[in-house]
Every structure is written in C-alpha cells, then in structure tokens.
Amino acid sequence: MIHIGMQIEQELRRQGRSVSWFAKALYCDRTNVYKIFRKQSLDSELLLRISVILSCDFFRFYTDSLRNHPRL
C-alpha cells in the first residue's frame, strides 16, 4: 500500500525544503502540511498541486503500483 504523505515528506526533506516554505507554496498553515504527511491518500487535485510545487510526479507511485499489480 502506498502512503503518499510519507512520500511527499521524504521528497520535501530530500530537496532540503522547510515545512514553512512548503506551507507558503500551498497557501496553507504548517499544521495542514503535517496533516498531509500523515495521510495515506490525497485528493488528486491536491496531489497535482504538490507535484508541481515540488517538481516531482507523485502519481508515479500509483502508476508503478498499477503496472506491478498481479491481475494486470
């Protein structure tokens, strides 16, 4: 199972960006960013905004999972 919030937090840290910077880019409070980090799934529009802000395709975690699914 994909925990997208954890993936977002790891990418933010990898880029050396602060939670404050990310919150400002998302137009939200830092507390909301920490809530995002705890979420296992996110609304696709929010995930798209985050992907653009961090220049990272977070949808790939889902497409990779789909490609590797045994039923396909």
PDB file of N, CA and C in Angstrom:
ATOM      1  N   MET A   1       0.839  -1.179   0.000  1.00  0.00           N
ATOM      2  CA  MET A   1       0.000   0.000   0.000  1.00  0.00           C
ATOM      3  C   MET A   1       0.887   1.245   0.000  1.00  0.00           C
ATOM      4  N   ILE A   2       0.488   2.217  -0.746  1.00  0.00           N
ATOM      5  CA  ILE A   2       1.233   3.471  -0.876  1.00  0.00           C
ATOM      6  C   ILE A   2       0.804   4.422   0.241  1.00  0.00           C
ATOM      7  N   HIS A   3       1.762   5.020   0.906  1.00  0.00           N
ATOM      8  CA  HIS A   3       1.483   6.074   1.888  1.00  0.00           C
ATOM      9  C   HIS A   3       2.021   7.364   1.273  1.00  0.00           C
ATOM     10  N   ILE A   4       1.158   8.071   0.551  1.00  0.00           N
ATOM     11  CA  ILE A   4       1.600   9.203  -0.253  1.00  0.00           C
ATOM     12  C   ILE A   4       2.103  10.358   0.608  1.00  0.00           C
ATOM     13  N   GLY A   5       1.538  10.539   1.786  1.00  0.00           N
ATOM     14  CA  GLY A   5       2.009  11.605   2.669  1.00  0.00           C
ATOM     15  C   GLY A   5       3.464  11.410   3.059  1.00  0.00           C
ATOM     16  N   MET A   6       3.831  10.170   3.310  1.00  0.00           N
ATOM     17  CA  MET A   6       5.210   9.854   3.661  1.00  0.00           C
ATOM     18  C   MET A   6       6.141  10.124   2.472  1.00  0.00           C
ATOM     19  N   GLN A   7       5.676   9.808   1.283  1.00  0.00           N
ATOM     20  CA  GLN A   7       6.472  10.057   0.074  1.00  0.00           C
ATOM     21  C   GLN A   7       6.697  11.556  -0.131  1.00  0.00           C
ATOM     22  N   ILE A   8       5.668  12.337   0.120  1.00  0.00           N
ATOM     23  CA  ILE A   8       5.771  13.795  -0.013  1.00  0.00           C
ATOM     24  C   ILE A   8       6.758  14.345   1.009  1.00  0.00           C
ATOM     25  N   GLU A   9       6.645  13.887   2.248  1.00  0.00           N
ATOM     26  CA  GLU A   9       7.562  14.357   3.288  1.00  0.00           C
ATOM     27  C   GLU A   9       9.007  13.991   2.939  1.00  0.00           C
ATOM     28  N   GLN A  10       9.233  12.784   2.467  1.00  0.00           N
ATOM     29  CA  GLN A  10      10.586  12.359   2.101  1.00  0.00           C
ATOM     30  C   GLN A  10      11.151  13.215   0.968  1.00  0.00           C
ATOM     31  N   GLU A  11      10.321  13.533  -0.015  1.00  0.00           N
ATOM     32  CA  GLU A  11      10.788  14.360  -1.136  1.00  0.00           C
ATOM     33  C   GLU A  11      11.093  15.776  -0.667  1.00  0.00           C
ATOM     34  N   LEU A  12      10.252  16.317   0.185  1.00  0.00           N
ATOM     35  CA  LEU A  12      10.495  17.658   0.719  1.00  0.00           C
ATOM     36  C   LEU A  12      11.834  17.693   1.450  1.00  0.00           C
ATOM     37  N   ARG A  13      12.087  16.697   2.274  1.00  0.00           N
ATOM     38  CA  ARG A  13      13.354  16.614   3.015  1.00  0.00           C
ATOM     39  C   ARG A  13      14.530  16.421   2.049  1.00  0.00           C
ATOM     40  N   ARG A  14      14.344  15.561   1.041  1.00  0.00           N
ATOM     41  CA  ARG A  14      15.404  15.308   0.062  1.00  0.00           C
ATOM     42  C   ARG A  14      15.821  16.599  -0.629  1.00  0.00           C
ATOM     43  N   GLN A  15      14.834  17.461  -0.907  1.00  0.00           N
ATOM     44  CA  GLN A  15      15.110  18.735  -1.561  1.00  0.00           C
ATOM     45  C   GLN A  15      15.663  19.781  -0.591  1.00  0.00           C
ATOM     46  N   GLY A  16      15.674  19.480   0.681  1.00  0.00           N
ATOM     47  CA  GLY A  16      16.179  20.432   1.669  1.00  0.00           C
ATOM     48  C   GLY A  16      15.244  21.608   1.896  1.00  0.00           C
ATOM     49  N   ARG A  17      13.985  21.419   1.617  1.00  0.00           N
ATOM     50  CA  ARG A  17      12.991  22.490   1.793  1.00  0.00           C
ATOM     51  C   ARG A  17      12.377  22.412   3.184  1.00  0.00           C
ATOM     52  N   SER A  18      11.937  23.530   3.686  1.00  0.00           N
ATOM     53  CA  SER A  18      11.321  23.572   5.011  1.00  0.00           C
ATOM     54  C   SER A  18       9.805  23.386   4.908  1.00  0.00           C
ATOM     55  N   VAL A  19       9.230  22.987   6.018  1.00  0.00           N
ATOM     56  CA  VAL A  19       7.775  22.864   6.096  1.00  0.00           C
ATOM     57  C   VAL A  19       7.135  24.243   5.916  1.00  0.00           C
ATOM     58  N   SER A  20       7.762  25.262   6.441  1.00  0.00           N
ATOM     59  CA  SER A  20       7.239  26.625   6.277  1.00  0.00           C
ATOM     60  C   SER A  20       7.207  27.033   4.807  1.00  0.00           C
ATOM     61  N   TRP A  21       8.271  26.726   4.080  1.00  0.00           N
ATOM     62  CA  TRP A  21       8.316  27.033   2.650  1.00  0.00           C
ATOM     63  C   TRP A  21       7.191  26.315   1.916  1.00  0.00           C
ATOM     64  N   PHE A  22       7.021  25.032   2.233  1.00  0.00           N
ATOM     65  CA  PHE A  22       6.004  24.217   1.583  1.00  0.00           C
ATOM     66  C   PHE A  22       4.597  24.733   1.900  1.00  0.00           C
ATOM     67  N   ALA A  23       4.357  25.087   3.160  1.00  0.00           N
ATOM     68  CA  ALA A  23       3.051  25.619   3.560  1.00  0.00           C
ATOM     69  C   ALA A  23       2.737  26.908   2.812  1.00  0.00           C
ATOM     70  N   LYS A  24       3.732  27.762   2.688  1.00  0.00           N
ATOM     71  CA  LYS A  24       3.537  29.020   1.965  1.00  0.00           C
ATOM     72  C   LYS A  24       3.221  28.748   0.490  1.00  0.00           C
ATOM     73  N   ALA A  25       3.921  27.803  -0.121  1.00  0.00           N
ATOM     74  CA  ALA A  25       3.681  27.470  -1.524  1.00  0.00           C
ATOM     75  C   ALA A  25       2.291  26.867  -1.732  1.00  0.00           C
ATOM     76  N   LEU A  26       1.800  26.137  -0.726  1.00  0.00           N
ATOM     77  CA  LEU A  26       0.464  25.533  -0.801  1.00  0.00           C
ATOM     78  C   LEU A  26      -0.645  26.474  -0.337  1.00  0.00           C
ATOM     79  N   TYR A  27      -0.254  27.637   0.182  1.00  0.00           N
ATOM     80  CA  TYR A  27      -1.210  28.602   0.754  1.00  0.00           C
ATOM     81  C   TYR A  27      -1.994  27.978   1.897  1.00  0.00           C
ATOM     82  N   CYS A  28      -1.261  27.363   2.830  1.00  0.00           N
ATOM     83  CA  CYS A  28      -1.905  26.781   3.995  1.00  0.00           C
ATOM     84  C   CYS A  28      -1.001  26.933   5.212  1.00  0.00           C
ATOM     85  N   ASP A  29      -1.493  26.522   6.354  1.00  0.00           N
ATOM     86  CA  ASP A  29      -0.712  26.566   7.594  1.00  0.00           C
ATOM     87  C   ASP A  29       0.214  25.357   7.684  1.00  0.00           C
ATOM     88  N   ARG A  30       1.256  25.506   8.495  1.00  0.00           N
ATOM     89  CA  ARG A  30       2.186  24.393   8.712  1.00  0.00           C
ATOM     90  C   ARG A  30       1.468  23.177   9.291  1.00  0.00           C
ATOM     91  N   THR A  31       0.461  23.410  10.133  1.00  0.00           N
ATOM     92  CA  THR A  31      -0.278  22.284  10.720  1.00  0.00           C
ATOM     93  C   THR A  31      -0.953  21.446   9.645  1.00  0.00           C
ATOM     94  N   ASN A  32      -1.425  22.100   8.588  1.00  0.00           N
ATOM     95  CA  ASN A  32      -2.045  21.358   7.483  1.00  0.00           C
ATOM     96  C   ASN A  32      -1.012  20.528   6.726  1.00  0.00           C
ATOM     97  N   VAL A  33       0.201  21.024   6.623  1.00  0.00           N
ATOM     98  CA  VAL A  33       1.265  20.266   5.963  1.00  0.00           C
ATOM     99  C   VAL A  33       1.548  18.997   6.748  1.00  0.00           C
ATOM    100  N   TYR A  34       1.620  19.099   8.065  1.00  0.00           N
ATOM    101  CA  TYR A  34       1.850  17.909   8.885  1.00  0.00           C
ATOM    102  C   TYR A  34       0.700  16.918   8.759  1.00  0.00           C
ATOM    103  N   LYS A  35      -0.518  17.414   8.573  1.00  0.00           N
ATOM    104  CA  LYS A  35      -1.666  16.534   8.341  1.00  0.00           C
ATOM    105  C   LYS A  35      -1.508  15.801   7.009  1.00  0.00           C
ATOM    106  N   ILE A  36      -1.018  16.505   5.990  1.00  0.00           N
ATOM    107  CA  ILE A  36      -0.778  15.883   4.683  1.00  0.00           C
ATOM    108  C   ILE A  36       0.242  14.752   4.825  1.00  0.00           C
ATOM    109  N   PHE A  37       1.288  14.987   5.593  1.00  0.00           N
ATOM    110  CA  PHE A  37       2.319  13.967   5.789  1.00  0.00           C
ATOM    111  C   PHE A  37       1.749  12.692   6.417  1.00  0.00           C
ATOM    112  N   ARG A  38       0.704  12.822   7.223  1.00  0.00           N
ATOM    113  CA  ARG A  38       0.112  11.662   7.891  1.00  0.00           C
ATOM    114  C   ARG A  38      -0.923  10.932   7.030  1.00  0.00           C
ATOM    115  N   LYS A  39      -1.323  11.536   5.923  1.00  0.00           N
ATOM    116  CA  LYS A  39      -2.373  10.937   5.099  1.00  0.00           C
ATOM    117  C   LYS A  39      -1.826   9.831   4.189  1.00  0.00           C
ATOM    118  N   GLN A  40      -2.583   8.747   4.138  1.00  0.00           N
ATOM    119  CA  GLN A  40      -2.203   7.639   3.271  1.00  0.00           C
ATOM    120  C   GLN A  40      -2.623   7.933   1.827  1.00  0.00           C
ATOM    121  N   SER A  41      -3.672   8.708   1.648  1.00  0.00           N
ATOM    122  CA  SER A  41      -4.124   9.079   0.305  1.00  0.00           C
ATOM    123  C   SER A  41      -4.546  10.538   0.302  1.00  0.00           C
ATOM    124  N   LEU A  42      -4.531  11.131  -0.905  1.00  0.00           N
ATOM    125  CA  LEU A  42      -4.890  12.542  -1.065  1.00  0.00           C
ATOM    126  C   LEU A  42      -5.787  12.726  -2.276  1.00  0.00           C
ATOM    127  N   ASP A  43      -6.537  13.797  -2.251  1.00  0.00           N
ATOM    128  CA  ASP A  43      -7.324  14.218  -3.401  1.00  0.00           C
ATOM    129  C   ASP A  43      -6.392  14.442  -4.590  1.00  0.00           C
ATOM    130  N   SER A  44      -6.797  14.032  -5.768  1.00  0.00           N
ATOM    131  CA  SER A  44      -5.920  14.123  -6.944  1.00  0.00           C
ATOM    132  C   SER A  44      -5.547  15.564  -7.295  1.00  0.00           C
ATOM    133  N   GLU A  45      -6.437  16.509  -7.082  1.00  0.00           N
ATOM    134  CA  GLU A  45      -6.118  17.912  -7.372  1.00  0.00           C
ATOM    135  C   GLU A  45      -5.026  18.437  -6.436  1.00  0.00           C
ATOM    136  N   LEU A  46      -5.134  18.086  -5.158  1.00  0.00           N
ATOM    137  CA  LEU A  46      -4.104  18.482  -4.200  1.00  0.00           C
ATOM    138  C   LEU A  46      -2.778  17.807  -4.540  1.00  0.00           C
ATOM    139  N   LEU A  47      -2.836  16.535  -4.915  1.00  0.00           N
ATOM    140  CA  LEU A  47      -1.615  15.826  -5.281  1.00  0.00           C
ATOM    141  C   LEU A  47      -0.971  16.457  -6.517  1.00  0.00           C
ATOM    142  N   LEU A  48      -1.770  16.918  -7.451  1.00  0.00           N
ATOM    143  CA  LEU A  48      -1.239  17.604  -8.628  1.00  0.00           C
ATOM    144  C   LEU A  48      -0.548  18.908  -8.221  1.00  0.00           C
ATOM    145  N   ARG A  49      -1.164  19.688  -7.352  1.00  0.00           N
ATOM    146  CA  ARG A  49      -0.550  20.933  -6.876  1.00  0.00           C
ATOM    147  C   ARG A  49       0.784  20.661  -6.186  1.00  0.00           C
ATOM    148  N   ILE A  50       0.804  19.634  -5.352  1.00  0.00           N
ATOM    149  CA  ILE A  50       2.034  19.278  -4.649  1.00  0.00           C
ATOM    150  C   ILE A  50       3.099  18.816  -5.635  1.00  0.00           C
ATOM    151  N   SER A  51       2.700  18.044  -6.627  1.00  0.00           N
ATOM    152  CA  SER A  51       3.641  17.574  -7.651  1.00  0.00           C
ATOM    153  C   SER A  51       4.283  18.750  -8.379  1.00  0.00           C
ATOM    154  N   VAL A  52       3.497  19.756  -8.698  1.00  0.00           N
ATOM    155  CA  VAL A  52       4.015  20.941  -9.389  1.00  0.00           C
ATOM    156  C   VAL A  52       4.954  21.720  -8.473  1.00  0.00           C
ATOM    157  N   ILE A  53       4.541  21.930  -7.230  1.00  0.00           N
ATOM    158  CA  ILE A  53       5.356  22.708  -6.289  1.00  0.00           C
ATOM    159  C   ILE A  53       6.713  22.054  -6.074  1.00  0.00           C
ATOM    160  N   LEU A  54       6.724  20.729  -5.924  1.00  0.00           N
ATOM    161  CA  LEU A  54       7.972  20.025  -5.648  1.00  0.00           C
ATOM    162  C   LEU A  54       8.648  19.485  -6.912  1.00  0.00           C
ATOM    163  N   SER A  55       8.054  19.765  -8.062  1.00  0.00           N
ATOM    164  CA  SER A  55       8.590  19.267  -9.341  1.00  0.00           C
ATOM    165  C   SER A  55       8.863  17.765  -9.268  1.00  0.00           C
ATOM    166  N   CYS A  56       7.877  17.048  -8.792  1.00  0.00           N
ATOM    167  CA  CYS A  56       8.001  15.606  -8.616  1.00  0.00           C
ATOM    168  C   CYS A  56       6.663  14.951  -8.969  1.00  0.00           C
ATOM    169  N   ASP A  57       6.686  13.943  -9.796  1.00  0.00           N
ATOM    170  CA  ASP A  57       5.460  13.245 -10.201  1.00  0.00           C
ATOM    171  C   ASP A  57       5.070  12.216  -9.142  1.00  0.00           C
ATOM    172  N   PHE A  58       4.250  12.621  -8.186  1.00  0.00           N
ATOM    173  CA  PHE A  58       3.822  11.696  -7.135  1.00  0.00           C
ATOM    174  C   PHE A  58       2.809  10.687  -7.644  1.00  0.00           C
ATOM    175  N   PHE A  59       2.220  10.931  -8.793  1.00  0.00           N
ATOM    176  CA  PHE A  59       1.294   9.971  -9.385  1.00  0.00           C
ATOM    177  C   PHE A  59       2.020   8.707  -9.829  1.00  0.00           C
ATOM    178  N   ARG A  60       3.323   8.806 -10.031  1.00  0.00           N
ATOM    179  CA  ARG A  60       4.091   7.642 -10.491  1.00  0.00           C
ATOM    180  C   ARG A  60       4.057   6.507  -9.481  1.00  0.00           C
ATOM    181  N   PHE A  61       3.909   6.827  -8.203  1.00  0.00           N
ATOM    182  CA  PHE A  61       3.814   5.769  -7.197  1.00  0.00           C
ATOM    183  C   PHE A  61       2.582   4.902  -7.455  1.00  0.00           C
ATOM    184  N   TYR A  62       1.517   5.521  -7.926  1.00  0.00           N
ATOM    185  CA  TYR A  62       0.296   4.781  -8.232  1.00  0.00           C
ATOM    186  C   TYR A  62       0.409   4.044  -9.564  1.00  0.00           C
ATOM    187  N   THR A  63       0.975   4.697 -10.569  1.00  0.00           N
ATOM    188  CA  THR A  63       1.104   4.024 -11.864  1.00  0.00           C
ATOM    189  C   THR A  63       2.086   2.864 -11.779  1.00  0.00           C
ATOM    190  N   ASP A  64       3.166   3.028 -11.021  1.00  0.00           N
ATOM    191  CA  ASP A  64       4.111   1.920 -10.822  1.00  0.00           C
ATOM    192  C   ASP A  64       3.431   0.756 -10.115  1.00  0.00           C
ATOM    193  N   SER A  65       2.638   1.071  -9.118  1.00  0.00           N
ATOM    194  CA  SER A  65       1.911   0.038  -8.391  1.00  0.00           C
ATOM    195  C   SER A  65       0.922  -0.679  -9.306  1.00  0.00           C
ATOM    196  N   LEU A  66       0.269   0.092 -10.155  1.00  0.00           N
ATOM    197  CA  LEU A  66      -0.694  -0.492 -11.097  1.00  0.00           C
ATOM    198  C   LEU A  66       0.003  -1.411 -12.094  1.00  0.00           C
ATOM    199  N   ARG A  67       1.124  -0.993 -12.602  1.00  0.00           N
ATOM    200  CA  ARG A  67       1.893  -1.817 -13.560  1.00  0.00           C
ATOM    201  C   ARG A  67       2.339  -3.129 -12.948  1.00  0.00           C
ATOM    202  N   ASN A  68       2.648  -3.099 -11.659  1.00  0.00           N
ATOM    203  CA  ASN A  68       3.159  -4.288 -10.971  1.00  0.00           C
ATOM    204  C   ASN A  68       2.059  -5.133 -10.338  1.00  0.00           C
ATOM    205  N   HIS A  69       0.814  -4.746 -10.543  1.00  0.00           N
ATOM    206  CA  HIS A  69      -0.298  -5.480  -9.941  1.00  0.00           C
ATOM    207  C   HIS A  69      -0.437  -6.834 -10.629  1.00  0.00           C
ATOM    208  N   PRO A  70      -0.573  -7.900  -9.865  1.00  0.00           N
ATOM    209  CA  PRO A  70      -0.619  -9.250 -10.462  1.00  0.00           C
ATOM    210  C   PRO A  70      -1.817  -9.525 -11.360  1.00  0.00           C
ATOM    211  N   ARG A  71      -2.886  -8.791 -11.228  1.00  0.00           N
ATOM    212  CA  ARG A  71      -4.091  -9.033 -12.036  1.00  0.00           C
ATOM    213  C   ARG A  71      -4.026  -8.407 -13.419  1.00  0.00           C
ATOM    214  N   LEU A  72      -3.010  -7.600 -13.670  1.00  0.00           N
ATOM    215  CA  LEU A  72      -2.932  -6.931 -14.973  1.00  0.00           C
ATOM    216  C   LEU A  72      -2.007  -7.654 -15.907  1.00  0.00           C
TER     217      LEU A  72
END
